Amino acid sequence: MVRMLKIDKRKLIDIFHNHGNQVASSIPTALHELFMTKDLKSGQRVMMVGTSAGVGLGLVVWEVP
C-alpha cells in the first residue's frame, strides 16, 4: 500500500515490529505512538487506515486542532 500510494516511509507509524498484529486496536496504538514520538503541529493531517481480512477497509483523515 505504501508503494502504491507513494507515501514517504518516514511519515509512517509502524507498530507491527513492537506490538505485532493488533487488529482493531492498531489505530489507537498507532495514535499513541504518534503522540509520543512526533511533534504534531496545528493544521497537520493524519490519515488512519484500518484493514481486515477479506475486503474490509476503513479510512479517516484527522486534522490536528
N, C-alpha and C. Protein backbone atom coordinates (compact mmCIF):
# COMPACT_ATOMS: atom_id res chain seq x y z
N MET A 1 0.82 -1.18 0.00
CA MET A 1 0.00 0.00 0.00
C MET A 1 0.87 1.25 0.00
N VAL A 2 1.99 1.22 0.73
CA VAL A 2 2.90 2.37 0.79
C VAL A 2 3.45 2.68 -0.59
N ARG A 3 3.88 1.65 -1.29
CA ARG A 3 4.41 1.86 -2.65
C ARG A 3 3.32 2.36 -3.60
N MET A 4 2.13 1.77 -3.51
CA MET A 4 1.05 2.14 -4.40
C MET A 4 0.63 3.60 -4.21
N LEU A 5 0.59 4.06 -2.96
CA LEU A 5 0.20 5.44 -2.67
C LEU A 5 1.38 6.41 -2.70
N LYS A 6 2.60 5.87 -2.88
CA LYS A 6 3.83 6.67 -2.94
C LYS A 6 3.98 7.54 -1.68
N ILE A 7 3.85 6.89 -0.53
CA ILE A 7 3.98 7.56 0.76
C ILE A 7 5.42 7.46 1.24
N ASP A 8 5.97 8.55 1.72
CA ASP A 8 7.31 8.57 2.30
C ASP A 8 7.29 7.75 3.59
N LYS A 9 8.13 6.72 3.68
CA LYS A 9 8.13 5.84 4.86
C LYS A 9 8.44 6.58 6.15
N ARG A 10 9.11 7.72 6.06
CA ARG A 10 9.41 8.50 7.27
C ARG A 10 8.15 9.10 7.87
N LYS A 11 7.08 9.13 7.12
CA LYS A 11 5.82 9.70 7.61
C LYS A 11 4.90 8.64 8.22
N LEU A 12 5.36 7.39 8.26
CA LEU A 12 4.54 6.30 8.77
C LEU A 12 4.82 6.01 10.23
N ILE A 13 3.82 5.50 10.91
CA ILE A 13 3.99 4.96 12.25
C ILE A 13 3.85 3.45 12.11
N ASP A 14 4.94 2.72 12.31
CA ASP A 14 4.93 1.26 12.17
C ASP A 14 4.92 0.63 13.55
N ILE A 15 3.79 0.07 13.94
CA ILE A 15 3.68 -0.53 15.28
C ILE A 15 3.89 -2.03 15.26
N PHE A 16 3.92 -2.64 14.08
CA PHE A 16 3.99 -4.09 13.98
C PHE A 16 5.24 -4.66 14.64
N HIS A 17 6.38 -4.00 14.45
CA HIS A 17 7.65 -4.50 14.99
C HIS A 17 7.59 -4.66 16.51
N ASN A 18 7.00 -3.69 17.20
CA ASN A 18 6.96 -3.73 18.67
C ASN A 18 5.70 -4.37 19.25
N HIS A 19 4.60 -4.32 18.52
CA HIS A 19 3.32 -4.75 19.10
C HIS A 19 2.66 -5.92 18.37
N GLY A 20 3.14 -6.26 17.19
CA GLY A 20 2.51 -7.33 16.43
C GLY A 20 1.20 -6.88 15.80
N ASN A 21 0.44 -7.84 15.28
CA ASN A 21 -0.84 -7.54 14.64
C ASN A 21 -1.90 -7.39 15.72
N GLN A 22 -2.44 -6.20 15.88
CA GLN A 22 -3.41 -5.93 16.93
C GLN A 22 -4.84 -5.82 16.42
N VAL A 23 -5.05 -5.97 15.16
CA VAL A 23 -6.36 -5.90 14.53
C VAL A 23 -7.06 -4.59 14.91
N ALA A 24 -8.16 -4.65 15.66
CA ALA A 24 -8.99 -3.47 15.94
C ALA A 24 -8.28 -2.41 16.79
N SER A 25 -7.33 -2.80 17.61
CA SER A 25 -6.67 -1.81 18.47
C SER A 25 -5.43 -1.19 17.84
N SER A 26 -5.16 -1.50 16.58
CA SER A 26 -3.95 -0.97 15.94
C SER A 26 -4.00 0.54 15.75
N ILE A 27 -5.15 1.11 15.44
CA ILE A 27 -5.23 2.56 15.23
C ILE A 27 -5.02 3.32 16.54
N PRO A 28 -5.69 2.96 17.65
CA PRO A 28 -5.38 3.66 18.91
C PRO A 28 -3.92 3.51 19.34
N THR A 29 -3.33 2.34 19.12
CA THR A 29 -1.92 2.13 19.47
C THR A 29 -1.03 3.01 18.60
N ALA A 30 -1.32 3.10 17.32
CA ALA A 30 -0.53 3.95 16.42
C ALA A 30 -0.68 5.42 16.78
N LEU A 31 -1.89 5.84 17.17
CA LEU A 31 -2.09 7.23 17.59
C LEU A 31 -1.27 7.55 18.83
N HIS A 32 -1.26 6.62 19.78
CA HIS A 32 -0.45 6.82 20.99
C HIS A 32 1.03 6.96 20.62
N GLU A 33 1.50 6.08 19.77
CA GLU A 33 2.90 6.13 19.30
C GLU A 33 3.18 7.47 18.61
N LEU A 34 2.24 7.93 17.81
CA LEU A 34 2.38 9.21 17.13
C LEU A 34 2.51 10.35 18.12
N PHE A 35 1.65 10.40 19.12
CA PHE A 35 1.69 11.47 20.12
C PHE A 35 2.98 11.44 20.94
N MET A 36 3.53 10.25 21.16
CA MET A 36 4.73 10.12 21.98
C MET A 36 6.02 10.40 21.21
N THR A 37 6.01 10.21 19.88
CA THR A 37 7.27 10.28 19.13
C THR A 37 7.35 11.40 18.10
N LYS A 38 6.24 12.03 17.75
CA LYS A 38 6.26 13.05 16.70
C LYS A 38 5.79 14.38 17.26
N ASP A 39 6.30 15.44 16.68
CA ASP A 39 5.89 16.79 17.04
C ASP A 39 4.77 17.22 16.10
N LEU A 40 3.53 17.07 16.56
CA LEU A 40 2.39 17.44 15.73
C LEU A 40 2.15 18.93 15.80
N LYS A 41 1.79 19.50 14.68
CA LYS A 41 1.52 20.93 14.61
C LYS A 41 0.08 21.15 14.15
N SER A 42 -0.51 22.24 14.61
CA SER A 42 -1.87 22.58 14.23
C SER A 42 -2.00 22.64 12.72
N GLY A 43 -3.05 22.04 12.20
CA GLY A 43 -3.29 22.04 10.76
C GLY A 43 -2.76 20.82 10.04
N GLN A 44 -1.85 20.06 10.68
CA GLN A 44 -1.37 18.84 10.04
C GLN A 44 -2.51 17.84 9.95
N ARG A 45 -2.44 16.99 8.94
CA ARG A 45 -3.45 15.95 8.77
C ARG A 45 -2.83 14.59 9.02
N VAL A 46 -3.61 13.74 9.66
CA VAL A 46 -3.19 12.38 9.97
C VAL A 46 -4.18 11.44 9.29
N MET A 47 -3.68 10.56 8.43
CA MET A 47 -4.54 9.58 7.78
C MET A 47 -4.42 8.26 8.53
N MET A 48 -5.55 7.71 8.92
CA MET A 48 -5.57 6.44 9.63
C MET A 48 -6.33 5.43 8.77
N VAL A 49 -5.68 4.31 8.47
CA VAL A 49 -6.28 3.29 7.63
C VAL A 49 -6.34 1.99 8.41
N GLY A 50 -7.52 1.41 8.48
CA GLY A 50 -7.69 0.11 9.13
C GLY A 50 -8.09 -0.92 8.08
N THR A 51 -7.41 -2.04 8.08
CA THR A 51 -7.72 -3.11 7.13
C THR A 51 -8.17 -4.34 7.90
N SER A 52 -8.78 -5.26 7.18
CA SER A 52 -9.20 -6.51 7.81
C SER A 52 -9.08 -7.64 6.79
N ALA A 53 -9.31 -8.84 7.27
CA ALA A 53 -9.26 -9.99 6.37
C ALA A 53 -10.37 -9.85 5.33
N GLY A 54 -10.11 -10.31 4.15
CA GLY A 54 -11.11 -10.20 3.09
C GLY A 54 -11.04 -8.84 2.42
N VAL A 55 -12.18 -8.19 2.26
CA VAL A 55 -12.24 -6.95 1.52
C VAL A 55 -12.74 -5.82 2.41
N GLY A 56 -12.29 -5.77 3.64
CA GLY A 56 -12.71 -4.70 4.54
C GLY A 56 -11.65 -3.62 4.63
N LEU A 57 -12.09 -2.37 4.64
CA LEU A 57 -11.16 -1.25 4.73
C LEU A 57 -11.89 -0.06 5.33
N GLY A 58 -11.23 0.62 6.25
CA GLY A 58 -11.77 1.85 6.81
C GLY A 58 -10.70 2.92 6.79
N LEU A 59 -11.09 4.17 6.57
CA LEU A 59 -10.11 5.24 6.49
C LEU A 59 -10.72 6.52 7.05
N VAL A 60 -9.91 7.28 7.78
CA VAL A 60 -10.34 8.58 8.28
C VAL A 60 -9.13 9.51 8.22
N VAL A 61 -9.38 10.79 7.95
CA VAL A 61 -8.32 11.80 7.98
C VAL A 61 -8.68 12.76 9.10
N TRP A 62 -7.75 12.95 10.03
CA TRP A 62 -7.95 13.80 11.20
C TRP A 62 -7.02 15.00 11.08
N GLU A 63 -7.55 16.20 11.27
CA GLU A 63 -6.72 17.40 11.23
C GLU A 63 -6.41 17.82 12.66
N VAL A 64 -5.12 17.99 12.97
CA VAL A 64 -4.68 18.36 14.31
C VAL A 64 -5.24 19.75 14.63
N PRO A 65 -5.95 19.87 15.77
CA PRO A 65 -6.52 21.18 16.13
C PRO A 65 -5.45 22.20 16.50
